Amino acid sequence: SYPQEVQGVVLVDALYPGIIKKPEDFPLMTRWAKN
């Protein structure tokens, strides 16, 4: 969003786009545990 403000980036075992499903696709038990 603001590349002009960034000198560098360190990603520590980061999440990336597409790795996590849409919340409606989470298993029912996982949705229950999340809440």
Full PDB file with SEQRES, HELIX, SHEET, SSBOND, CRYST1, ORIGX, SCALE, CONECT and MASTER records, all heavy atoms in Angstrom:
SEQRES   1 A   35  SER TYR PRO GLN GLU VAL GLN GLY VAL VAL LEU VAL ASP          
SEQRES   2 A   35  ALA LEU TYR PRO GLY ILE ILE LYS LYS PRO GLU ASP PHE          
SEQRES   3 A   35  PRO LEU MET THR ARG TRP ALA LYS ASN                          
HELIX    1 AA1 PRO A    3  GLU A    5  5                                   3    
HELIX    2 AA2 PRO A   23  ASP A   25  5                                   3    
HELIX    3 AA3 LEU A   28  LYS A   34  1                                   7    
CRYST1    1.000    1.000    1.000  90.00  90.00  90.00 P 1           1          
ORIGX1      1.000000  0.000000  0.000000        0.00000                         
ORIGX2      0.000000  1.000000  0.000000        0.00000                         
ORIGX3      0.000000  0.000000  1.000000        0.00000                         
SCALE1      1.000000  0.000000  0.000000        0.00000                         
SCALE2      0.000000  1.000000  0.000000        0.00000                         
SCALE3      0.000000  0.000000  1.000000        0.00000                         
ATOM      1  N   SER A   1       0.817  -1.211   0.000  1.00  0.00           N  
ATOM      2  CA  SER A   1       0.000   0.000   0.000  1.00  0.00           C  
ATOM      3  C   SER A   1       0.852   1.262   0.000  1.00  0.00           C  
ATOM      4  O   SER A   1       0.496   2.267  -0.644  1.00  0.00           O  
ATOM      5  CB  SER A   1      -0.923   0.009   1.232  1.00  0.00           C  
ATOM      6  OG  SER A   1      -1.785  -1.102   1.236  1.00  0.00           O  
ATOM      7  N   TYR A   2       1.977   1.230   0.720  1.00  0.00           N  
ATOM      8  CA  TYR A   2       2.829   2.417   0.877  1.00  0.00           C  
ATOM      9  C   TYR A   2       4.296   2.051   0.679  1.00  0.00           C  
ATOM     10  O   TYR A   2       5.112   2.174   1.605  1.00  0.00           O  
ATOM     11  CB  TYR A   2       2.607   3.036   2.264  1.00  0.00           C  
ATOM     12  CG  TYR A   2       1.176   3.424   2.523  1.00  0.00           C  
ATOM     13  CD1 TYR A   2       0.351   2.625   3.320  1.00  0.00           C  
ATOM     14  CD2 TYR A   2       0.637   4.573   1.946  1.00  0.00           C  
ATOM     15  CE1 TYR A   2      -0.980   2.974   3.544  1.00  0.00           C  
ATOM     16  CE2 TYR A   2      -0.693   4.929   2.165  1.00  0.00           C  
ATOM     17  CZ  TYR A   2      -1.493   4.124   2.961  1.00  0.00           C  
ATOM     18  OH  TYR A   2      -2.814   4.463   3.173  1.00  0.00           O  
ATOM     19  N   PRO A   3       4.666   1.609  -0.510  1.00  0.00           N  
ATOM     20  CA  PRO A   3       6.062   1.165  -0.729  1.00  0.00           C  
ATOM     21  C   PRO A   3       7.086   2.261  -0.495  1.00  0.00           C  
ATOM     22  O   PRO A   3       8.227   1.973  -0.109  1.00  0.00           O  
ATOM     23  CB  PRO A   3       6.057   0.709  -2.199  1.00  0.00           C  
ATOM     24  CG  PRO A   3       4.882   1.407  -2.815  1.00  0.00           C  
ATOM     25  CD  PRO A   3       3.858   1.512  -1.730  1.00  0.00           C  
ATOM     26  N   GLN A   4       6.692   3.513  -0.691  1.00  0.00           N  
ATOM     27  CA  GLN A   4       7.618   4.637  -0.505  1.00  0.00           C  
ATOM     28  C   GLN A   4       7.978   4.837   0.961  1.00  0.00           C  
ATOM     29  O   GLN A   4       8.938   5.546   1.277  1.00  0.00           O  
ATOM     30  CB  GLN A   4       7.030   5.921  -1.086  1.00  0.00           C  
ATOM     31  CG  GLN A   4       5.870   6.516  -0.297  1.00  0.00           C  
ATOM     32  CD  GLN A   4       4.526   5.850  -0.557  1.00  0.00           C  
ATOM     33  OE1 GLN A   4       4.432   4.847  -1.259  1.00  0.00           O  
ATOM     34  NE2 GLN A   4       3.473   6.426   0.003  1.00  0.00           N  
ATOM     35  N   GLU A   5       7.235   4.212   1.872  1.00  0.00           N  
ATOM     36  CA  GLU A   5       7.492   4.362   3.306  1.00  0.00           C  
ATOM     37  C   GLU A   5       8.276   3.183   3.892  1.00  0.00           C  
ATOM     38  O   GLU A   5       8.513   3.149   5.094  1.00  0.00           O  
ATOM     39  CB  GLU A   5       6.157   4.497   4.060  1.00  0.00           C  
ATOM     40  CG  GLU A   5       5.362   5.722   3.670  1.00  0.00           C  
ATOM     41  CD  GLU A   5       4.072   5.857   4.466  1.00  0.00           C  
ATOM     42  OE1 GLU A   5       3.847   5.032   5.379  1.00  0.00           O  
ATOM     43  OE2 GLU A   5       3.292   6.783   4.177  1.00  0.00           O  
ATOM     44  N   VAL A   6       8.667   2.239   3.056  1.00  0.00           N  
ATOM     45  CA  VAL A   6       9.214   0.978   3.553  1.00  0.00           C  
ATOM     46  C   VAL A   6      10.668   0.811   3.123  1.00  0.00           C  
ATOM     47  O   VAL A   6      10.987   0.837   1.933  1.00  0.00           O  
ATOM     48  CB  VAL A   6       8.372  -0.214   3.059  1.00  0.00           C  
ATOM     49  CG1 VAL A   6       8.950  -1.530   3.574  1.00  0.00           C  
ATOM     50  CG2 VAL A   6       6.926  -0.061   3.508  1.00  0.00           C  
ATOM     51  N   GLN A   7      11.535   0.618   4.104  1.00  0.00           N  
ATOM     52  CA  GLN A   7      12.950   0.338   3.834  1.00  0.00           C  
ATOM     53  C   GLN A   7      13.187  -1.141   3.594  1.00  0.00           C  
ATOM     54  O   GLN A   7      14.087  -1.519   2.845  1.00  0.00           O  
ATOM     55  CB  GLN A   7      13.809   0.813   5.009  1.00  0.00           C  
ATOM     56  CG  GLN A   7      15.300   0.574   4.825  1.00  0.00           C  
ATOM     57  CD  GLN A   7      16.124   1.175   5.944  1.00  0.00           C  
ATOM     58  OE1 GLN A   7      15.700   2.131   6.585  1.00  0.00           O  
ATOM     59  NE2 GLN A   7      17.303   0.632   6.184  1.00  0.00           N  
ATOM     60  N   GLY A   8      12.400  -1.989   4.230  1.00  0.00           N  
ATOM     61  CA  GLY A   8      12.563  -3.427   4.057  1.00  0.00           C  
ATOM     62  C   GLY A   8      11.500  -4.172   4.845  1.00  0.00           C  
ATOM     63  O   GLY A   8      10.787  -3.594   5.666  1.00  0.00           O  
ATOM     64  N   VAL A   9      11.401  -5.482   4.581  1.00  0.00           N  
ATOM     65  CA  VAL A   9      10.384  -6.321   5.215  1.00  0.00           C  
ATOM     66  C   VAL A   9      11.007  -7.626   5.673  1.00  0.00           C  
ATOM     67  O   VAL A   9      11.803  -8.238   4.943  1.00  0.00           O  
ATOM     68  CB  VAL A   9       9.228  -6.629   4.234  1.00  0.00           C  
ATOM     69  CG1 VAL A   9       8.168  -7.504   4.901  1.00  0.00           C  
ATOM     70  CG2 VAL A   9       8.600  -5.346   3.706  1.00  0.00           C  
ATOM     71  N   VAL A  10      10.659  -8.056   6.883  1.00  0.00           N  
ATOM     72  CA  VAL A  10      11.043  -9.380   7.387  1.00  0.00           C  
ATOM     73  C   VAL A  10       9.756 -10.123   7.737  1.00  0.00           C  
ATOM     74  O   VAL A  10       8.981  -9.664   8.575  1.00  0.00           O  
ATOM     75  CB  VAL A  10      11.952  -9.284   8.627  1.00  0.00           C  
ATOM     76  CG1 VAL A  10      12.247 -10.684   9.177  1.00  0.00           C  
ATOM     77  CG2 VAL A  10      13.246  -8.561   8.288  1.00  0.00           C  
ATOM     78  N   LEU A  11       9.547 -11.260   7.094  1.00  0.00           N  
ATOM     79  CA  LEU A  11       8.356 -12.074   7.318  1.00  0.00           C  
ATOM     80  C   LEU A  11       8.744 -13.289   8.147  1.00  0.00           C  
ATOM     81  O   LEU A  11       9.540 -14.120   7.709  1.00  0.00           O  
ATOM     82  CB  LEU A  11       7.738 -12.501   5.990  1.00  0.00           C  
ATOM     83  CG  LEU A  11       7.316 -11.351   5.062  1.00  0.00           C  
ATOM     84  CD1 LEU A  11       6.766 -11.905   3.754  1.00  0.00           C  
ATOM     85  CD2 LEU A  11       6.305 -10.440   5.742  1.00  0.00           C  
ATOM     86  N   VAL A  12       8.193 -13.378   9.350  1.00  0.00           N  
ATOM     87  CA  VAL A  12       8.559 -14.417  10.311  1.00  0.00           C  
ATOM     88  C   VAL A  12       7.479 -15.507  10.297  1.00  0.00           C  
ATOM     89  O   VAL A  12       6.426 -15.352  10.909  1.00  0.00           O  
ATOM     90  CB  VAL A  12       8.724 -13.828  11.722  1.00  0.00           C  
ATOM     91  CG1 VAL A  12       9.200 -14.903  12.707  1.00  0.00           C  
ATOM     92  CG2 VAL A  12       9.704 -12.652  11.707  1.00  0.00           C  
ATOM     93  N   ASP A  13       7.740 -16.589   9.552  1.00  0.00           N  
ATOM     94  CA  ASP A  13       6.769 -17.668   9.369  1.00  0.00           C  
ATOM     95  C   ASP A  13       5.386 -17.082   9.121  1.00  0.00           C  
ATOM     96  O   ASP A  13       4.412 -17.380   9.820  1.00  0.00           O  
ATOM     97  CB  ASP A  13       6.758 -18.607  10.575  1.00  0.00           C  
ATOM     98  CG  ASP A  13       6.433 -20.046  10.169  1.00  0.00           C  
ATOM     99  OD1 ASP A  13       6.667 -20.413   9.003  1.00  0.00           O  
ATOM    100  OD2 ASP A  13       5.921 -20.803  11.011  1.00  0.00           O  
ATOM    101  N   ALA A  14       5.321 -16.250   8.090  1.00  0.00           N  
ATOM    102  CA  ALA A  14       4.147 -15.417   7.841  1.00  0.00           C  
ATOM    103  C   ALA A  14       3.032 -16.178   7.136  1.00  0.00           C  
ATOM    104  O   ALA A  14       3.246 -17.227   6.514  1.00  0.00           O  
ATOM    105  CB  ALA A  14       4.547 -14.209   7.000  1.00  0.00           C  
ATOM    106  N   LEU A  15       1.829 -15.602   7.214  1.00  0.00           N  
ATOM    107  CA  LEU A  15       0.713 -16.038   6.390  1.00  0.00           C  
ATOM    108  C   LEU A  15       0.797 -15.336   5.042  1.00  0.00           C  
ATOM    109  O   LEU A  15       1.275 -14.196   4.948  1.00  0.00           O  
ATOM    110  CB  LEU A  15      -0.619 -15.677   7.052  1.00  0.00           C  
ATOM    111  CG  LEU A  15      -1.074 -16.538   8.232  1.00  0.00           C  
ATOM    112  CD1 LEU A  15      -2.447 -16.059   8.714  1.00  0.00           C  
ATOM    113  CD2 LEU A  15      -1.154 -18.012   7.840  1.00  0.00           C  
ATOM    114  N   TYR A  16       0.303 -16.019   4.005  1.00  0.00           N  
ATOM    115  CA  TYR A  16       0.292 -15.465   2.662  1.00  0.00           C  
ATOM    116  C   TYR A  16      -1.114 -15.589   2.087  1.00  0.00           C  
ATOM    117  O   TYR A  16      -1.930 -16.391   2.564  1.00  0.00           O  
ATOM    118  CB  TYR A  16       1.307 -16.199   1.779  1.00  0.00           C  
ATOM    119  CG  TYR A  16       2.734 -16.009   2.224  1.00  0.00           C  
ATOM    120  CD1 TYR A  16       3.331 -16.906   3.110  1.00  0.00           C  
ATOM    121  CD2 TYR A  16       3.493 -14.936   1.772  1.00  0.00           C  
ATOM    122  CE1 TYR A  16       4.642 -16.730   3.531  1.00  0.00           C  
ATOM    123  CE2 TYR A  16       4.798 -14.750   2.190  1.00  0.00           C  
ATOM    124  CZ  TYR A  16       5.371 -15.654   3.072  1.00  0.00           C  
ATOM    125  OH  TYR A  16       6.663 -15.472   3.496  1.00  0.00           O  
ATOM    126  N   PRO A  17      -1.417 -14.806   1.057  1.00  0.00           N  
ATOM    127  CA  PRO A  17      -2.760 -14.872   0.463  1.00  0.00           C  
ATOM    128  C   PRO A  17      -3.117 -16.288   0.018  1.00  0.00           C  
ATOM    129  O   PRO A  17      -2.280 -17.019  -0.519  1.00  0.00           O  
ATOM    130  CB  PRO A  17      -2.658 -13.932  -0.737  1.00  0.00           C  
ATOM    131  CG  PRO A  17      -1.580 -12.974  -0.374  1.00  0.00           C  
ATOM    132  CD  PRO A  17      -0.582 -13.779   0.413  1.00  0.00           C  
ATOM    133  N   GLY A  18      -4.358 -16.661   0.239  1.00  0.00           N  
ATOM    134  CA  GLY A  18      -4.856 -17.945  -0.232  1.00  0.00           C  
ATOM    135  C   GLY A  18      -4.615 -19.110   0.699  1.00  0.00           C  
ATOM    136  O   GLY A  18      -5.205 -20.190   0.511  1.00  0.00           O  
ATOM    137  N   ILE A  19      -3.755 -18.942   1.692  1.00  0.00           N  
ATOM    138  CA  ILE A  19      -3.428 -20.049   2.592  1.00  0.00           C  
ATOM    139  C   ILE A  19      -4.619 -20.400   3.490  1.00  0.00           C  
ATOM    140  O   ILE A  19      -4.913 -21.575   3.733  1.00  0.00           O  
ATOM    141  CB  ILE A  19      -2.195 -19.704   3.450  1.00  0.00           C  
ATOM    142  CG1 ILE A  19      -0.934 -19.660   2.579  1.00  0.00           C  
ATOM    143  CG2 ILE A  19      -2.011 -20.707   4.572  1.00  0.00           C  
ATOM    144  CD1 ILE A  19      -0.544 -21.004   1.990  1.00  0.00           C  
ATOM    145  N   ILE A  20      -5.297 -19.397   3.993  1.00  0.00           N  
ATOM    146  CA  ILE A  20      -6.429 -19.619   4.898  1.00  0.00           C  
ATOM    147  C   ILE A  20      -7.736 -19.546   4.113  1.00  0.00           C  
ATOM    148  O   ILE A  20      -7.959 -18.624   3.322  1.00  0.00           O  
ATOM    149  CB  ILE A  20      -6.441 -18.587   6.053  1.00  0.00           C  
ATOM    150  CG1 ILE A  20      -5.132 -18.659   6.824  1.00  0.00           C  
ATOM    151  CG2 ILE A  20      -7.630 -18.827   6.977  1.00  0.00           C  
ATOM    152  CD1 ILE A  20      -4.864 -19.994   7.499  1.00  0.00           C  
ATOM    153  N   LYS A  21      -8.611 -20.505   4.348  1.00  0.00           N  
ATOM    154  CA  LYS A  21      -9.893 -20.580   3.649  1.00  0.00           C  
ATOM    155  C   LYS A  21     -10.822 -19.448   4.084  1.00  0.00           C  
ATOM    156  O   LYS A  21     -10.589 -18.762   5.091  1.00  0.00           O  
ATOM    157  CB  LYS A  21     -10.569 -21.920   3.942  1.00  0.00           C  
ATOM    158  CG  LYS A  21      -9.810 -23.145   3.467  1.00  0.00           C  
ATOM    159  CD  LYS A  21     -10.534 -24.406   3.902  1.00  0.00           C  
ATOM    160  CE  LYS A  21      -9.783 -25.661   3.463  1.00  0.00           C  
ATOM    161  NZ  LYS A  21     -10.476 -26.891   3.929  1.00  0.00           N  
ATOM    162  N   LYS A  22     -11.916 -19.292   3.357  1.00  0.00           N  
ATOM    163  CA  LYS A  22     -12.979 -18.392   3.781  1.00  0.00           C  
ATOM    164  C   LYS A  22     -13.582 -18.939   5.069  1.00  0.00           C  
ATOM    165  O   LYS A  22     -13.681 -20.154   5.249  1.00  0.00           O  
ATOM    166  CB  LYS A  22     -14.048 -18.284   2.708  1.00  0.00           C  
ATOM    167  CG  LYS A  22     -13.557 -17.681   1.402  1.00  0.00           C  
ATOM    168  CD  LYS A  22     -14.680 -17.661   0.374  1.00  0.00           C  
ATOM    169  CE  LYS A  22     -14.196 -17.062  -0.947  1.00  0.00           C  
ATOM    170  NZ  LYS A  22     -15.284 -17.072  -1.971  1.00  0.00           N  
ATOM    171  N   PRO A  23     -13.994 -18.068   5.988  1.00  0.00           N  
ATOM    172  CA  PRO A  23     -14.488 -18.554   7.295  1.00  0.00           C  
ATOM    173  C   PRO A  23     -15.685 -19.484   7.179  1.00  0.00           C  
ATOM    174  O   PRO A  23     -15.850 -20.393   7.995  1.00  0.00           O  
ATOM    175  CB  PRO A  23     -14.833 -17.263   8.046  1.00  0.00           C  
ATOM    176  CG  PRO A  23     -14.965 -16.210   6.993  1.00  0.00           C  
ATOM    177  CD  PRO A  23     -14.014 -16.605   5.906  1.00  0.00           C  
ATOM    178  N   GLU A  24     -16.509 -19.285   6.153  1.00  0.00           N  
ATOM    179  CA  GLU A  24     -17.667 -20.163   5.998  1.00  0.00           C  
ATOM    180  C   GLU A  24     -17.280 -21.573   5.572  1.00  0.00           C  
ATOM    181  O   GLU A  24     -18.095 -22.512   5.653  1.00  0.00           O  
ATOM    182  CB  GLU A  24     -18.667 -19.576   4.995  1.00  0.00           C  
ATOM    183  CG  GLU A  24     -18.097 -19.326   3.606  1.00  0.00           C  
ATOM    184  CD  GLU A  24     -17.580 -17.912   3.419  1.00  0.00           C  
ATOM    185  OE1 GLU A  24     -17.149 -17.300   4.429  1.00  0.00           O  
ATOM    186  OE2 GLU A  24     -17.619 -17.423   2.272  1.00  0.00           O  
ATOM    187  N   ASP A  25     -16.023 -21.736   5.140  1.00  0.00           N  
ATOM    188  CA  ASP A  25     -15.539 -23.059   4.749  1.00  0.00           C  
ATOM    189  C   ASP A  25     -14.779 -23.762   5.867  1.00  0.00           C  
ATOM    190  O   ASP A  25     -14.290 -24.877   5.677  1.00  0.00           O  
ATOM    191  CB  ASP A  25     -14.636 -22.947   3.511  1.00  0.00           C  
ATOM    192  CG  ASP A  25     -15.404 -22.489   2.277  1.00  0.00           C  
ATOM    193  OD1 ASP A  25     -16.621 -22.760   2.220  1.00  0.00           O  
ATOM    194  OD2 ASP A  25     -14.803 -21.857   1.386  1.00  0.00           O  
ATOM    195  N   PHE A  26     -14.642 -23.112   7.032  1.00  0.00           N  
ATOM    196  CA  PHE A  26     -14.004 -23.767   8.178  1.00  0.00           C  
ATOM    197  C   PHE A  26     -14.887 -24.925   8.650  1.00  0.00           C  
ATOM    198  O   PHE A  26     -16.117 -24.833   8.605  1.00  0.00           O  
ATOM    199  CB  PHE A  26     -13.844 -22.787   9.350  1.00  0.00           C  
ATOM    200  CG  PHE A  26     -12.819 -21.702   9.165  1.00  0.00           C  
ATOM    201  CD1 PHE A  26     -12.104 -21.570   7.985  1.00  0.00           C  
ATOM    202  CD2 PHE A  26     -12.575 -20.789  10.177  1.00  0.00           C  
ATOM    203  CE1 PHE A  26     -11.164 -20.568   7.820  1.00  0.00           C  
ATOM    204  CE2 PHE A  26     -11.645 -19.777  10.025  1.00  0.00           C  
ATOM    205  CZ  PHE A  26     -10.946 -19.666   8.841  1.00  0.00           C  
ATOM    206  N   PRO A  27     -14.276 -26.007   9.112  1.00  0.00           N  
ATOM    207  CA  PRO A  27     -15.069 -27.084   9.723  1.00  0.00           C  
ATOM    208  C   PRO A  27     -15.872 -26.558  10.903  1.00  0.00           C  
ATOM    209  O   PRO A  27     -15.457 -25.607  11.582  1.00  0.00           O  
ATOM    210  CB  PRO A  27     -14.009 -28.098  10.170  1.00  0.00           C  
ATOM    211  CG  PRO A  27     -12.816 -27.808   9.331  1.00  0.00           C  
ATOM    212  CD  PRO A  27     -12.835 -26.330   9.081  1.00  0.00           C  
ATOM    213  N   LEU A  28     -17.011 -27.163  11.147  1.00  0.00           N  
ATOM    214  CA  LEU A  28     -17.896 -26.712  12.222  1.00  0.00           C  
ATOM    215  C   LEU A  28     -17.178 -26.696  13.564  1.00  0.00           C  
ATOM    216  O   LEU A  28     -17.319 -25.748  14.349  1.00  0.00           O  
ATOM    217  CB  LEU A  28     -19.130 -27.628  12.286  1.00  0.00           C  
ATOM    218  CG  LEU A  28     -20.163 -27.278  13.371  1.00  0.00           C  
ATOM    219  CD1 LEU A  28     -20.706 -25.874  13.155  1.00  0.00           C  
ATOM    220  CD2 LEU A  28     -21.288 -28.309  13.365  1.00  0.00           C  
ATOM    221  N   MET A  29     -16.387 -27.731  13.857  1.00  0.00           N  
ATOM    222  CA  MET A  29     -15.679 -27.804  15.124  1.00  0.00           C  
ATOM    223  C   MET A  29     -14.666 -26.666  15.256  1.00  0.00           C  
ATOM    224  O   MET A  29     -14.493 -26.096  16.344  1.00  0.00           O  
ATOM    225  CB  MET A  29     -14.969 -29.157  15.261  1.00  0.00           C  
ATOM    226  CG  MET A  29     -14.292 -29.369  16.612  1.00  0.00           C  
ATOM    227  SD  MET A  29     -15.474 -29.400  17.976  1.00  0.00           S  
ATOM    228  CE  MET A  29     -16.280 -30.977  17.669  1.00  0.00           C  
ATOM    229  N   THR A  30     -14.013 -26.310  14.169  1.00  0.00           N  
ATOM    230  CA  THR A  30     -13.042 -25.221  14.195  1.00  0.00           C  
ATOM    231  C   THR A  30     -13.733 -23.886  14.439  1.00  0.00           C  
ATOM    232  O   THR A  30     -13.236 -23.042  15.196  1.00  0.00           O  
ATOM    233  CB  THR A  30     -12.253 -25.172  12.881  1.00  0.00           C  
ATOM    234  OG1 THR A  30     -11.585 -26.424  12.681  1.00  0.00           O  
ATOM    235  CG2 THR A  30     -11.206 -24.067  12.906  1.00  0.00           C  
ATOM    236  N   ARG A  31     -14.877 -23.681  13.817  1.00  0.00           N  
ATOM    237  CA  ARG A  31     -15.630 -22.450  14.050  1.00  0.00           C  
ATOM    238  C   ARG A  31     -16.067 -22.344  15.511  1.00  0.00           C  
ATOM    239  O   ARG A  31     -16.020 -21.266  16.113  1.00  0.00           O  
ATOM    240  CB  ARG A  31     -16.854 -22.402  13.124  1.00  0.00           C  
ATOM    241  CG  ARG A  31     -16.530 -21.942  11.700  1.00  0.00           C  
ATOM    242  CD  ARG A  31     -17.775 -21.842  10.860  1.00  0.00           C  
ATOM    243  NE  ARG A  31     -18.075 -23.130  10.226  1.00  0.00           N  
ATOM    244  CZ  ARG A  31     -19.215 -23.408   9.610  1.00  0.00           C  
ATOM    245  NH1 ARG A  31     -20.188 -22.510   9.588  1.00  0.00           N  
ATOM    246  NH2 ARG A  31     -19.396 -24.576   9.026  1.00  0.00           N  
ATOM    247  N   TRP A  32     -16.463 -23.449  16.061  1.00  0.00           N  
ATOM    248  CA  TRP A  32     -16.864 -23.471  17.466  1.00  0.00           C  
ATOM    249  C   TRP A  32     -15.670 -23.148  18.369  1.00  0.00           C  
ATOM    250  O   TRP A  32     -15.777 -22.348  19.293  1.00  0.00           O  
ATOM    251  CB  TRP A  32     -17.430 -24.848  17.796  1.00  0.00           C  
ATOM    252  CG  TRP A  32     -17.759 -25.042  19.245  1.00  0.00           C  
ATOM    253  CD1 TRP A  32     -18.882 -24.635  19.907  1.00  0.00           C  
ATOM    254  CD2 TRP A  32     -16.930 -25.694  20.218  1.00  0.00           C  
ATOM    255  NE1 TRP A  32     -18.806 -24.993  21.234  1.00  0.00           N  
ATOM    256  CE2 TRP A  32     -17.627 -25.643  21.457  1.00  0.00           C  
ATOM    257  CE3 TRP A  32     -15.693 -26.332  20.169  1.00  0.00           C  
ATOM    258  CZ2 TRP A  32     -17.106 -26.191  22.624  1.00  0.00           C  
ATOM    259  CZ3 TRP A  32     -15.166 -26.878  21.332  1.00  0.00           C  
ATOM    260  CH2 TRP A  32     -15.871 -26.809  22.547  1.00  0.00           C  
ATOM    261  N   ALA A  33     -14.518 -23.777  18.080  1.00  0.00           N  
ATOM    262  CA  ALA A  33     -13.321 -23.559  18.894  1.00  0.00           C  
ATOM    263  C   ALA A  33     -12.823 -22.120  18.766  1.00  0.00           C  
ATOM    264  O   ALA A  33     -12.348 -21.523  19.747  1.00  0.00           O  
ATOM    265  CB  ALA A  33     -12.225 -24.532  18.470  1.00  0.00           C  
ATOM    266  N   LYS A  34     -12.937 -21.547  17.570  1.00  0.00           N  
ATOM    267  CA  LYS A  34     -12.498 -20.155  17.360  1.00  0.00           C  
ATOM    268  C   LYS A  34     -13.250 -19.211  18.287  1.00  0.00           C  
ATOM    269  O   LYS A  34     -12.661 -18.349  18.945  1.00  0.00           O  
ATOM    270  CB  LYS A  34     -12.727 -19.766  15.900  1.00  0.00           C  
ATOM    271  CG  LYS A  34     -12.363 -18.324  15.564  1.00  0.00           C  
ATOM    272  CD  LYS A  34     -12.903 -17.930  14.201  1.00  0.00           C  
ATOM    273  CE  LYS A  34     -14.415 -17.849  14.228  1.00  0.00           C  
ATOM    274  NZ  LYS A  34     -14.976 -17.363  12.951  1.00  0.00           N  
ATOM    275  N   ASN A  35     -14.552 -19.364  18.359  1.00  0.00           N  
ATOM    276  CA  ASN A  35     -15.365 -18.482  19.198  1.00  0.00           C  
ATOM    277  C   ASN A  35     -15.202 -18.778  20.685  1.00  0.00           C  
ATOM    278  O   ASN A  35     -15.466 -17.913  21.526  1.00  0.00           O  
ATOM    279  CB  ASN A  35     -16.833 -18.599  18.801  1.00  0.00           C  
ATOM    280  CG  ASN A  35     -17.095 -18.061  17.404  1.00  0.00           C  
ATOM    281  OD1 ASN A  35     -16.526 -17.053  17.010  1.00  0.00           O  
ATOM    282  ND2 ASN A  35     -17.934 -18.745  16.644  1.00  0.00           N  
TER     283      ASN A  35                                                      
MASTER        0    0    0    3    0    0    0    6  282    1    0    3          
END                                                                             
